[in-house]
């Protein structure tokens, strides 16, 4: 695995979750500078990164953002990603002033129900050829 540069970040996501895969597609479409790289939480690289950042390797109910040598999870990860996207999405970062335990209540509700609402794939998503280089696994 090559280490991303300082202006890049890694997003770890649940590779079989349809909502999560859709979020990755959304980020790819709205990240014209190519800042974000991706790996599934279930992959070998994802598991290694979780260990390196002292996060439990069994977690799949959260998105993880690794940037600047630090890791962020749940709503904090989502907001930090949003602030780097084009369009009006950076405005969502204003919600960071809401205490994380309150923000994460809503995040946890969606995470608990994501498979029921959006479904679950048999296999991790395969990136389109033009985005393949942005995936670490």
C-alpha atoms as a PDB file:
ATOM      1  CA  UNK A   1       0.000   0.000   0.000  1.00  0.00           C
ATOM      2  CA  UNK A   2       1.349   3.408  -0.879  1.00  0.00           C
ATOM      3  CA  UNK A   3       1.042   6.105   1.735  1.00  0.00           C
ATOM      4  CA  UNK A   4      -1.266   8.915   0.607  1.00  0.00           C
ATOM      5  CA  UNK A   5       0.150  12.417   0.464  1.00  0.00           C
ATOM      6  CA  UNK A   6      -0.804  15.037   3.037  1.00  0.00           C
ATOM      7  CA  UNK A   7      -3.577  16.415   0.832  1.00  0.00           C
ATOM      8  CA  UNK A   8      -5.153  12.953   0.479  1.00  0.00           C
ATOM      9  CA  UNK A   9      -7.346  10.990   2.835  1.00  0.00           C
ATOM     10  CA  UNK A  10      -8.568   7.405   3.098  1.00  0.00           C
ATOM     11  CA  UNK A  11     -12.213   6.461   3.541  1.00  0.00           C
ATOM     12  CA  UNK A  12     -12.912   3.008   4.986  1.00  0.00           C
ATOM     13  CA  UNK A  13     -16.451   1.793   4.345  1.00  0.00           C
ATOM     14  CA  UNK A  14     -18.608  -1.307   4.733  1.00  0.00           C
ATOM     15  CA  UNK A  15     -17.988  -2.964   1.372  1.00  0.00           C
ATOM     16  CA  UNK A  16     -21.235  -4.968   1.276  1.00  0.00           C
ATOM     17  CA  UNK A  17     -23.559  -2.149   2.392  1.00  0.00           C
ATOM     18  CA  UNK A  18     -25.508  -0.634  -0.510  1.00  0.00           C
ATOM     19  CA  UNK A  19     -25.848   2.710   1.307  1.00  0.00           C
ATOM     20  CA  UNK A  20     -22.099   2.803   1.950  1.00  0.00           C
ATOM     21  CA  UNK A  21     -21.250   1.889  -1.638  1.00  0.00           C
ATOM     22  CA  UNK A  22     -23.619   4.616  -2.808  1.00  0.00           C
ATOM     23  CA  UNK A  23     -21.869   7.091  -0.509  1.00  0.00           C
ATOM     24  CA  UNK A  24     -18.516   6.129  -2.039  1.00  0.00           C
ATOM     25  CA  UNK A  25     -19.936   6.697  -5.541  1.00  0.00           C
ATOM     26  CA  UNK A  26     -21.242  10.086  -4.384  1.00  0.00           C
ATOM     27  CA  UNK A  27     -17.850  11.061  -2.955  1.00  0.00           C
ATOM     28  CA  UNK A  28     -16.088   9.995  -6.162  1.00  0.00           C
ATOM     29  CA  UNK A  29     -18.454  12.144  -8.231  1.00  0.00           C
ATOM     30  CA  UNK A  30     -18.046  15.180  -5.963  1.00  0.00           C
ATOM     31  CA  UNK A  31     -14.293  14.954  -5.324  1.00  0.00           C
ATOM     32  CA  UNK A  32     -12.803  16.317  -8.553  1.00  0.00           C
ATOM     33  CA  UNK A  33      -9.338  16.797  -7.024  1.00  0.00           C
ATOM     34  CA  UNK A  34      -9.063  13.107  -6.135  1.00  0.00           C
ATOM     35  CA  UNK A  35      -8.394  13.813  -2.463  1.00  0.00           C
ATOM     36  CA  UNK A  36     -10.098  10.657  -1.208  1.00  0.00           C
ATOM     37  CA  UNK A  37      -8.859   7.077  -1.530  1.00  0.00           C
ATOM     38  CA  UNK A  38     -11.025   4.118  -0.517  1.00  0.00           C
ATOM     39  CA  UNK A  39     -10.841   0.663   1.036  1.00  0.00           C
ATOM     40  CA  UNK A  40     -13.498  -1.581   2.486  1.00  0.00           C
ATOM     41  CA  UNK A  41     -13.433  -2.184   6.226  1.00  0.00           C
ATOM     42  CA  UNK A  42     -13.470  -5.924   5.504  1.00  0.00           C
ATOM     43  CA  UNK A  43     -10.387  -5.864   3.256  1.00  0.00           C
ATOM     44  CA  UNK A  44      -6.875  -6.749   4.332  1.00  0.00           C
ATOM     45  CA  UNK A  45      -5.795  -3.124   3.906  1.00  0.00           C
ATOM     46  CA  UNK A  46      -8.869  -1.882   5.788  1.00  0.00           C
ATOM     47  CA  UNK A  47      -8.137  -4.219   8.687  1.00  0.00           C
ATOM     48  CA  UNK A  48      -4.483  -3.141   8.743  1.00  0.00           C
ATOM     49  CA  UNK A  49      -5.451   0.552   8.810  1.00  0.00           C
ATOM     50  CA  UNK A  50      -7.933  -0.071  11.636  1.00  0.00           C
ATOM     51  CA  UNK A  51      -5.180  -1.758  13.669  1.00  0.00           C
ATOM     52  CA  UNK A  52      -2.705   1.036  12.911  1.00  0.00           C
ATOM     53  CA  UNK A  53      -5.209   3.580  14.225  1.00  0.00           C
ATOM     54  CA  UNK A  54      -6.107   1.499  17.295  1.00  0.00           C
ATOM     55  CA  UNK A  55      -9.695   0.966  16.145  1.00  0.00           C
ATOM     56  CA  UNK A  56     -11.553  -2.326  16.617  1.00  0.00           C
ATOM     57  CA  UNK A  57     -11.156  -4.555  13.561  1.00  0.00           C
ATOM     58  CA  UNK A  58     -14.671  -5.941  13.961  1.00  0.00           C
ATOM     59  CA  UNK A  59     -16.428  -2.622  13.310  1.00  0.00           C
ATOM     60  CA  UNK A  60     -18.431  -2.332  10.112  1.00  0.00           C
ATOM     61  CA  UNK A  61     -21.203  -0.030  11.305  1.00  0.00           C
ATOM     62  CA  UNK A  62     -19.253   3.180  10.787  1.00  0.00           C
ATOM     63  CA  UNK A  63     -17.392   5.035   8.123  1.00  0.00           C
ATOM     64  CA  UNK A  64     -13.775   5.753   9.010  1.00  0.00           C
ATOM     65  CA  UNK A  65     -11.803   8.697   7.654  1.00  0.00           C
ATOM     66  CA  UNK A  66      -8.027   8.733   7.963  1.00  0.00           C
ATOM     67  CA  UNK A  67      -6.384  12.061   7.237  1.00  0.00           C
ATOM     68  CA  UNK A  68      -3.401  13.898   8.567  1.00  0.00           C
ATOM     69  CA  UNK A  69      -2.330  10.831  10.547  1.00  0.00           C
ATOM     70  CA  UNK A  70      -5.581  10.789  12.551  1.00  0.00           C
ATOM     71  CA  UNK A  71      -8.730   8.705  12.294  1.00  0.00           C
ATOM     72  CA  UNK A  72     -12.330   9.883  12.557  1.00  0.00           C
ATOM     73  CA  UNK A  73     -15.497   7.812  12.756  1.00  0.00           C
ATOM     74  CA  UNK A  74     -19.271   8.172  12.484  1.00  0.00           C
ATOM     75  CA  UNK A  75     -20.689  11.667  12.010  1.00  0.00           C
ATOM     76  CA  UNK A  76     -17.325  13.367  12.464  1.00  0.00           C
ATOM     77  CA  UNK A  77     -15.910  11.371   9.541  1.00  0.00           C
ATOM     78  CA  UNK A  78     -18.967  12.140   7.398  1.00  0.00           C
ATOM     79  CA  UNK A  79     -18.799  15.872   8.133  1.00  0.00           C
ATOM     80  CA  UNK A  80     -15.055  16.041   7.497  1.00  0.00           C
ATOM     81  CA  UNK A  81     -15.611  14.336   4.141  1.00  0.00           C
ATOM     82  CA  UNK A  82     -18.484  16.681   3.248  1.00  0.00           C
ATOM     83  CA  UNK A  83     -16.355  19.768   3.840  1.00  0.00           C
ATOM     84  CA  UNK A  84     -13.976  18.646   1.057  1.00  0.00           C
ATOM     85  CA  UNK A  85     -16.634  18.011  -1.596  1.00  0.00           C
ATOM     86  CA  UNK A  86     -17.709  20.427  -4.299  1.00  0.00           C
ATOM     87  CA  UNK A  87     -21.001  22.267  -4.300  1.00  0.00           C
ATOM     88  CA  UNK A  88     -22.855  23.200  -1.135  1.00  0.00           C
ATOM     89  CA  UNK A  89     -21.702  20.111   0.804  1.00  0.00           C
ATOM     90  CA  UNK A  90     -18.991  21.972   2.761  1.00  0.00           C
ATOM     91  CA  UNK A  91     -21.793  23.919   4.460  1.00  0.00           C
ATOM     92  CA  UNK A  92     -22.793  20.701   6.248  1.00  0.00           C
ATOM     93  CA  UNK A  93     -19.559  20.953   8.227  1.00  0.00           C
ATOM     94  CA  UNK A  94     -21.249  23.654  10.332  1.00  0.00           C
ATOM     95  CA  UNK A  95     -22.977  20.771  12.147  1.00  0.00           C
ATOM     96  CA  UNK A  96     -19.606  19.957  13.742  1.00  0.00           C
ATOM     97  CA  UNK A  97     -20.550  22.440  16.506  1.00  0.00           C
ATOM     98  CA  UNK A  98     -23.243  19.987  17.656  1.00  0.00           C
ATOM     99  CA  UNK A  99     -21.700  17.726  20.302  1.00  0.00           C
ATOM    100  CA  UNK A 100     -20.605  14.401  18.790  1.00  0.00           C
ATOM    101  CA  UNK A 101     -22.785  12.276  21.103  1.00  0.00           C
ATOM    102  CA  UNK A 102     -25.889  14.064  19.780  1.00  0.00           C
ATOM    103  CA  UNK A 103     -24.760  13.901  16.138  1.00  0.00           C
ATOM    104  CA  UNK A 104     -23.949  10.233  16.519  1.00  0.00           C
ATOM    105  CA  UNK A 105     -27.454   9.347  17.737  1.00  0.00           C
ATOM    106  CA  UNK A 106     -28.791   9.971  14.236  1.00  0.00           C
ATOM    107  CA  UNK A 107     -25.770   8.306  12.664  1.00  0.00           C
ATOM    108  CA  UNK A 108     -26.257   5.192  14.825  1.00  0.00           C
ATOM    109  CA  UNK A 109     -29.954   4.989  13.906  1.00  0.00           C
ATOM    110  CA  UNK A 110     -29.168   4.959  10.188  1.00  0.00           C
ATOM    111  CA  UNK A 111     -26.232   2.555  10.682  1.00  0.00           C
ATOM    112  CA  UNK A 112     -28.434   0.082  12.571  1.00  0.00           C
ATOM    113  CA  UNK A 113     -31.060   0.089   9.825  1.00  0.00           C
ATOM    114  CA  UNK A 114     -28.912   0.471   6.681  1.00  0.00           C
ATOM    115  CA  UNK A 115     -29.149  -3.149   5.535  1.00  0.00           C
ATOM    116  CA  UNK A 116     -32.914  -3.233   6.049  1.00  0.00           C
ATOM    117  CA  UNK A 117     -33.495   0.069   4.247  1.00  0.00           C
ATOM    118  CA  UNK A 118     -30.871  -0.117   1.486  1.00  0.00           C
ATOM    119  CA  UNK A 119     -29.943  -3.798   1.256  1.00  0.00           C
ATOM    120  CA  UNK A 120     -26.723  -5.715   1.381  1.00  0.00           C
ATOM    121  CA  UNK A 121     -24.597  -6.925  -1.536  1.00  0.00           C
ATOM    122  CA  UNK A 122     -23.048 -10.392  -1.759  1.00  0.00           C
ATOM    123  CA  UNK A 123     -19.632  -8.917  -2.601  1.00  0.00           C
ATOM    124  CA  UNK A 124     -17.787  -5.632  -2.204  1.00  0.00           C
ATOM    125  CA  UNK A 125     -18.417  -3.147  -4.999  1.00  0.00           C
ATOM    126  CA  UNK A 126     -16.071  -3.088  -7.962  1.00  0.00           C
ATOM    127  CA  UNK A 127     -14.993   0.426  -8.934  1.00  0.00           C
ATOM    128  CA  UNK A 128     -15.427   1.737 -12.445  1.00  0.00           C
ATOM    129  CA  UNK A 129     -12.157   1.572 -14.392  1.00  0.00           C
ATOM    130  CA  UNK A 130     -11.678   5.356 -14.249  1.00  0.00           C
ATOM    131  CA  UNK A 131     -11.746   5.217 -10.422  1.00  0.00           C
ATOM    132  CA  UNK A 132      -9.813   1.976  -9.872  1.00  0.00           C
ATOM    133  CA  UNK A 133      -6.585   3.792  -8.905  1.00  0.00           C
ATOM    134  CA  UNK A 134      -8.452   5.463  -6.019  1.00  0.00           C
ATOM    135  CA  UNK A 135      -9.125   2.125  -4.306  1.00  0.00           C
ATOM    136  CA  UNK A 136      -6.456   0.627  -2.085  1.00  0.00           C
ATOM    137  CA  UNK A 137      -7.701  -2.938  -2.107  1.00  0.00           C
END
